[in-house]
Protein backbone atom coordinates (compact mmCIF):
# COMPACT_ATOMS: atom_id res chain seq x y z
CA UNK A 1 217.46 46.75 239.14
CA UNK A 2 213.78 47.67 239.06
CA UNK A 3 212.38 49.28 242.21
CA UNK A 4 209.43 51.35 243.38
CA UNK A 5 210.87 54.41 245.09
CA UNK A 6 209.63 57.41 247.02
CA UNK A 7 210.82 60.53 245.17
CA UNK A 8 211.74 63.88 246.73
CA UNK A 9 208.08 64.98 246.53
CA UNK A 10 207.07 61.89 248.54
CA UNK A 11 205.38 60.37 245.50
CA UNK A 12 205.90 56.74 244.53
CA UNK A 13 207.41 56.01 241.12
CA UNK A 14 209.06 53.17 239.21
CA UNK A 15 212.82 53.51 238.79
CA UNK A 16 215.99 51.66 237.87
CA UNK A 17 218.46 51.76 240.75
CA UNK A 18 221.79 50.12 241.55
CA UNK A 19 221.65 46.57 242.86
CA UNK A 20 222.93 46.74 246.47
CA UNK A 21 226.31 45.31 247.40
CA UNK A 22 226.26 43.28 250.63
CA UNK A 23 228.49 44.67 253.37
CA UNK A 24 230.77 42.31 255.31
CA UNK A 25 228.07 40.83 257.59
CA UNK A 26 225.23 41.11 255.09
CA UNK A 27 223.61 38.77 252.59
CA UNK A 28 222.10 39.76 249.25
CA UNK A 29 218.62 38.32 248.79
CA UNK A 30 216.89 37.97 245.43
CA UNK A 31 213.36 38.81 246.52
CA UNK A 32 210.69 36.30 245.48
CA UNK A 33 207.78 37.84 247.41
CA UNK A 34 207.21 40.79 249.72
CA UNK A 35 204.46 41.78 252.12
CA UNK A 36 202.56 45.05 252.51
CA UNK A 37 201.94 46.80 255.84
CA UNK A 38 199.94 49.87 256.86
CA UNK A 39 203.20 51.59 257.82
CA UNK A 40 204.15 51.58 254.13
CA UNK A 41 201.47 54.13 253.22
CA UNK A 42 201.80 55.85 256.61
CA UNK A 43 205.45 56.58 255.71
CA UNK A 44 204.13 58.68 252.83
CA UNK A 45 201.39 60.49 254.74
CA UNK A 46 202.53 60.74 258.33
CA UNK A 47 205.43 62.99 259.29
CA UNK A 48 206.11 61.00 262.47
CA UNK A 49 206.56 57.78 260.49
CA UNK A 50 208.52 59.64 257.82
CA UNK A 51 211.27 60.40 260.32
CA UNK A 52 212.03 56.66 260.39
CA UNK A 53 212.73 56.41 256.66
CA UNK A 54 216.05 54.72 255.92
CA UNK A 55 215.92 54.60 252.12
CA UNK A 56 213.67 55.72 249.26
CA UNK A 57 212.62 52.08 248.75
CA UNK A 58 209.75 51.18 251.04
CA UNK A 59 208.66 47.74 252.20
CA UNK A 60 210.08 45.60 254.99
CA UNK A 61 208.95 41.99 254.66
CA UNK A 62 210.85 39.70 252.37
CA UNK A 63 211.20 36.12 251.28
CA UNK A 64 213.70 35.02 248.69
CA UNK A 65 216.96 33.31 247.85
CA UNK A 66 220.47 34.22 249.01
CA UNK A 67 222.55 35.01 245.92
CA UNK A 68 225.61 36.70 247.43
CA UNK A 69 227.32 37.06 250.82
CA UNK A 70 229.60 39.59 252.46
CA UNK A 71 233.13 38.55 253.44
CA UNK A 72 232.16 37.85 257.07
CA UNK A 73 228.70 36.36 256.48
CA UNK A 74 228.94 32.64 257.26
CA UNK A 75 225.50 31.61 258.59
CA UNK A 76 223.90 30.81 255.22
CA UNK A 77 224.78 29.26 251.88
CA UNK A 78 224.17 30.63 248.41
CA UNK A 79 220.78 29.28 247.32
CA UNK A 80 219.25 29.14 250.81
CA UNK A 81 215.55 30.04 250.87
CA UNK A 82 215.11 32.64 253.59
CA UNK A 83 212.79 35.29 254.95
CA UNK A 84 213.08 38.30 257.20
CA UNK A 85 211.59 41.57 258.36
CA UNK A 86 213.51 44.77 258.75
CA UNK A 87 215.34 45.37 261.98
CA UNK A 88 213.58 48.72 262.23
CA UNK A 89 210.20 50.24 261.61
CA UNK A 90 211.81 52.17 258.79
CA UNK A 91 212.47 50.84 255.33
CA UNK A 92 214.52 47.87 254.27
CA UNK A 93 213.65 48.27 250.64
CA UNK A 94 211.57 45.24 249.67
CA UNK A 95 209.79 46.98 246.76
CA UNK A 96 212.74 45.96 244.59
CA UNK A 97 214.43 43.02 242.90
CA UNK A 98 217.15 42.55 245.51
CA UNK A 99 217.88 43.66 249.07
CA UNK A 100 221.02 43.49 251.24
CA UNK A 101 220.34 42.90 254.95
CA UNK A 102 222.39 41.84 257.99
CA UNK A 103 222.49 38.04 258.11
CA UNK A 104 221.76 38.39 261.84
CA UNK A 105 218.08 39.20 261.14
CA UNK A 106 217.55 36.47 258.52
CA UNK A 107 216.03 33.01 259.06
CA UNK A 108 215.46 29.98 256.84
CA UNK A 109 211.86 30.09 255.65
CA UNK A 110 209.53 27.30 256.83
CA UNK A 111 210.15 24.30 254.57
CA UNK A 112 206.41 23.68 254.12
CA UNK A 113 205.60 27.31 253.22
CA UNK A 114 205.67 29.05 249.85
CA UNK A 115 207.62 32.26 249.32
CA UNK A 116 204.28 34.12 249.37
CA UNK A 117 203.28 32.61 252.72
CA UNK A 118 206.72 33.31 254.20
CA UNK A 119 206.63 36.96 253.10
CA UNK A 120 203.40 37.35 255.05
CA UNK A 121 204.93 36.27 258.36
CA UNK A 122 207.65 38.65 259.64
CA UNK A 123 205.91 41.83 260.77
CA UNK A 124 202.66 40.31 262.07
CA UNK A 125 204.32 37.13 263.34
CA UNK A 126 207.01 38.95 265.33
CA UNK A 127 204.43 41.30 266.85
CA UNK A 128 202.02 38.50 267.79
CA UNK A 129 204.75 36.31 269.27
CA UNK A 130 206.04 39.24 271.33
CA UNK A 131 202.53 39.88 272.65
CA UNK A 132 202.05 36.25 273.60
CA UNK A 133 205.47 35.86 275.24
CA UNK A 134 205.31 39.07 277.23
CA UNK A 135 201.77 38.59 278.56
CA UNK A 136 202.72 35.29 280.29
CA UNK A 137 199.13 34.05 280.27
CA UNK A 138 197.71 31.34 282.53
CA UNK A 139 195.30 28.79 281.09
CA UNK A 140 192.31 30.21 282.96
CA UNK A 141 192.96 33.88 282.07
CA UNK A 142 190.30 35.66 280.00
CA UNK A 143 191.58 37.47 276.92
CA UNK A 144 189.88 39.96 274.61
CA UNK A 145 191.43 40.41 271.14
CA UNK A 146 190.15 43.33 269.05
CA UNK A 147 190.67 43.27 265.28
CA UNK A 148 191.27 39.55 265.49
CA UNK A 149 191.41 38.73 261.77
CA UNK A 150 194.10 41.24 260.82
CA UNK A 151 197.66 40.05 260.25
CA UNK A 152 198.68 40.31 263.91
CA UNK A 153 195.27 39.22 265.21
CA UNK A 154 195.23 35.98 263.24
CA UNK A 155 198.66 35.04 264.60
CA UNK A 156 197.64 35.99 268.15
CA UNK A 157 194.58 33.71 267.92
CA UNK A 158 196.78 30.89 266.56
CA UNK A 159 199.28 31.26 269.43
CA UNK A 160 196.48 31.36 272.04
CA UNK A 161 194.77 28.28 270.57
CA UNK A 162 198.07 26.38 270.21
CA UNK A 163 198.74 26.99 273.92
CA UNK A 164 195.26 25.75 274.91
CA UNK A 165 193.80 29.00 276.21
CA UNK A 166 190.02 28.64 276.38
CA UNK A 167 188.69 32.02 277.56
CA UNK A 168 189.21 33.97 274.34
CA UNK A 169 186.79 36.57 273.00
CA UNK A 170 187.49 38.22 269.66
CA UNK A 171 185.94 41.07 267.67
CA UNK A 172 185.29 41.12 263.92
CA UNK A 173 183.38 43.41 261.57
CA UNK A 174 181.94 41.03 258.98
CA UNK A 175 180.51 37.57 258.47
CA UNK A 176 183.50 36.72 256.26
CA UNK A 177 185.88 37.51 259.11
CA UNK A 178 183.73 35.57 261.56
CA UNK A 179 184.15 32.52 259.31
CA UNK A 180 187.95 32.98 259.38
CA UNK A 181 187.94 32.75 263.21
CA UNK A 182 185.63 29.73 263.16
CA UNK A 183 188.13 28.00 260.85
CA UNK A 184 190.91 28.87 263.31
CA UNK A 185 188.97 27.03 266.02
CA UNK A 186 187.03 29.68 267.94
CA UNK A 187 183.39 28.92 268.74
CA UNK A 188 180.57 31.14 267.56
CA UNK A 189 179.84 32.58 271.01
CA UNK A 190 183.47 33.71 271.34
CA UNK A 191 183.21 35.98 268.28
CA UNK A 192 181.52 39.38 268.64
CA UNK A 193 180.72 41.79 265.81
CA UNK A 194 181.95 45.20 266.94
CA UNK A 195 179.23 46.87 264.81
CA UNK A 196 176.41 45.35 266.90
CA UNK A 197 174.55 47.51 269.39
CA UNK A 198 175.43 47.01 273.06
CA UNK A 199 178.99 46.00 272.20
CA UNK A 200 180.21 46.30 275.80
CA UNK A 201 177.34 44.13 277.09
CA UNK A 202 177.92 41.55 274.33
CA UNK A 203 181.63 41.29 275.18
CA UNK A 204 180.93 40.79 278.89
CA UNK A 205 178.24 38.21 278.08
CA UNK A 206 180.79 36.29 276.00
CA UNK A 207 183.04 36.26 279.09
CA UNK A 208 180.30 34.88 281.37
CA UNK A 209 179.42 38.35 282.62
CA UNK A 210 182.94 38.99 283.96
CA UNK A 211 185.48 41.69 283.22
CA UNK A 212 188.55 40.56 281.24
CA UNK A 213 192.00 39.85 282.65
CA UNK A 214 193.78 40.89 279.43
CA UNK A 215 192.92 43.15 276.51
CA UNK A 216 194.98 42.86 273.31
CA UNK A 217 193.92 45.92 271.34
CA UNK A 218 194.88 45.77 267.66
CA UNK A 219 192.51 48.56 266.60
CA UNK A 220 192.84 51.53 268.98
CA UNK A 221 190.73 54.69 268.89
CA UNK A 222 187.11 53.86 269.81
CA UNK A 223 188.02 50.21 270.48
CA UNK A 224 190.62 51.33 273.02
CA UNK A 225 187.74 52.84 275.03
CA UNK A 226 185.65 49.67 274.76
CA UNK A 227 188.64 47.52 275.77
CA UNK A 228 189.38 49.79 278.73
CA UNK A 229 185.73 49.57 279.86
CA UNK A 230 185.66 45.76 279.91
CA UNK A 231 189.03 45.23 281.62
CA UNK A 232 189.10 44.36 285.30
CA UNK A 233 190.85 46.39 288.00
CA UNK A 234 194.64 45.84 287.69
CA UNK A 235 194.12 44.08 284.38
CA UNK A 236 196.60 44.27 281.50
CA UNK A 237 196.16 46.24 278.28
CA UNK A 238 198.51 45.39 275.40
CA UNK A 239 198.86 48.53 273.31
CA UNK A 240 199.89 47.56 269.80
CA UNK A 241 198.69 50.62 267.88
CA UNK A 242 199.64 53.68 270.00
CA UNK A 243 196.09 54.90 269.23
CA UNK A 244 194.73 54.96 272.78
CA UNK A 245 192.28 57.85 273.18
CA UNK A 246 192.37 60.33 276.05
CA UNK A 247 189.19 58.84 277.52
CA UNK A 248 190.55 55.29 277.29
CA UNK A 249 193.79 56.36 278.95
CA UNK A 250 191.85 57.93 281.82
CA UNK A 251 189.83 54.73 282.34
CA UNK A 252 192.97 52.59 282.20
CA UNK A 253 194.71 54.84 284.71
CA UNK A 254 191.72 54.83 287.10
CA UNK A 255 191.58 51.02 286.96
CA UNK A 256 195.30 50.71 287.75
CA UNK A 257 195.77 48.87 284.49
CA UNK A 258 199.21 47.64 283.43
CA UNK A 259 199.77 49.08 279.95
CA UNK A 260 202.19 46.99 277.94
CA UNK A 261 203.58 48.74 274.87
CA UNK A 262 204.34 46.31 272.04
CA UNK A 263 207.10 47.37 269.65
CA UNK A 264 209.39 45.47 267.29
CA UNK A 265 211.23 48.72 266.61
CA UNK A 266 212.55 48.83 270.18
CA UNK A 267 214.86 45.88 269.54
CA UNK A 268 216.50 47.57 266.58
CA UNK A 269 217.29 50.62 268.74
CA UNK A 270 219.69 48.42 270.71
CA UNK A 271 220.66 46.40 267.64
CA UNK A 272 219.25 43.30 269.35
CA UNK A 273 219.15 41.30 266.15
CA UNK A 274 218.78 37.99 268.00
CA UNK A 275 215.17 38.98 268.72
CA UNK A 276 214.33 39.05 265.01
CA UNK A 277 216.19 35.90 263.97
CA UNK A 278 215.18 33.93 267.09
CA UNK A 279 211.49 34.83 266.77
CA UNK A 280 211.39 33.95 263.07
CA UNK A 281 213.14 30.63 263.73
CA UNK A 282 210.56 29.85 266.43
CA UNK A 283 207.69 30.67 264.06
CA UNK A 284 209.30 28.50 261.36
CA UNK A 285 209.43 25.58 263.81
CA UNK A 286 205.79 26.06 264.80
CA UNK A 287 204.68 26.12 261.16
CA UNK A 288 206.87 23.18 260.14
CA UNK A 289 205.57 20.96 262.96
CA UNK A 290 201.95 21.95 262.30
CA UNK A 291 201.38 23.78 265.59
CA UNK A 292 200.23 26.87 263.71
CA UNK A 293 199.28 27.42 260.08
CA UNK A 294 200.93 29.94 257.72
CA UNK A 295 199.03 33.18 257.05
CA UNK A 296 196.20 33.50 254.53
CA UNK A 297 197.45 35.71 251.74
CA UNK A 298 196.26 37.38 248.56
CA UNK A 299 198.68 38.12 245.74
CA UNK A 300 197.97 41.65 244.50
CA UNK A 301 200.31 41.54 241.53
CA UNK A 302 203.95 41.57 240.46
CA UNK A 303 206.61 44.22 241.19
CA UNK A 304 205.12 47.41 239.74
CA UNK A 305 203.85 50.84 240.76
CA UNK A 306 200.27 49.73 240.05
CA UNK A 307 200.60 46.79 242.45
CA UNK A 308 201.99 48.98 245.24
CA UNK A 309 199.31 51.67 244.84
CA UNK A 310 196.57 49.06 244.75
CA UNK A 311 197.87 47.37 247.93
CA UNK A 312 198.20 50.68 249.77
CA UNK A 313 194.61 51.57 248.84
CA UNK A 314 193.27 48.22 250.08
CA UNK A 315 195.14 48.62 253.38
CA UNK A 316 194.05 52.21 253.82
CA UNK A 317 190.39 51.35 253.27
CA UNK A 318 190.58 48.29 255.52
CA UNK A 319 189.54 45.91 252.73
CA UNK A 320 192.03 43.07 253.30
CA UNK A 321 189.24 40.69 254.46
CA UNK A 322 191.64 38.76 256.64
CA UNK A 323 194.26 38.24 253.92
CA UNK A 324 197.89 39.31 254.00
CA UNK A 325 198.64 41.33 250.86
CA UNK A 326 201.62 39.99 248.89
CA UNK A 327 203.60 41.13 245.85
CA UNK A 328 205.38 38.56 243.68
CA UNK A 329 208.80 39.47 242.25
């Protein structure tokens, strides 16, 4: 089968490889669409991420059709339309025609979503749902979301709005992204451009002059410092990027902040596959009953080296403009 692989020099190339055989508890999925994530190019450039590589085929978000099952795989039928994310932050090989995965991490795709929409859900959706569930927010809590129109951010905003939280402030970097949040239901005074002068003052003004109860930081680096500055004493900081600066960490420590580390990878360490399947099934229900909408996506191309390189470049240069990048197969 055709695949885009990482060769021994850590360069991407097109190749013909063996179609995988599903093991006893696995299903073989003919991939119809796959999603791109920053970790895909980070695997190539970052030695820390590289340690997590499981195969030379990158990519870990899939939607498609079950075409074969292992001897002990009984949860799905041949022909079922499904989607899944990898059970680890490593590779599950979605830059290919087919992939074999444990049926325990697979869910039926939302009936009212296309394959492209479904492929845009797993990584961002799982992360956002974990953030929302673990924060245990009250209706009157104030929440700051940085990088709110990225894949995770858009889902976080949808979950907050669906659960009737009112005190939400979000940061964006462009008018186009501001429009995305307005369409999701935020009001203009809840949306702050992080490029404006007096960012800290603008954020506090949006929260009626008060410090925030919760900071969901989807950007890190400089924004981790801003988020730390506007959090209240004993507030909660959701760290999704592991890019907290030394200064931000000092501020968070001095404020007695609860730092909540968000990681999908942690569940794969214990082989807690129910987390992946259960979360995807919950997201499917929410999309099917109209509680939240599927992600905005942009199809970059079909399965090819050019498509992968183009997607990686867009991600690297932060040019997604609020769209999930998708490859058709």
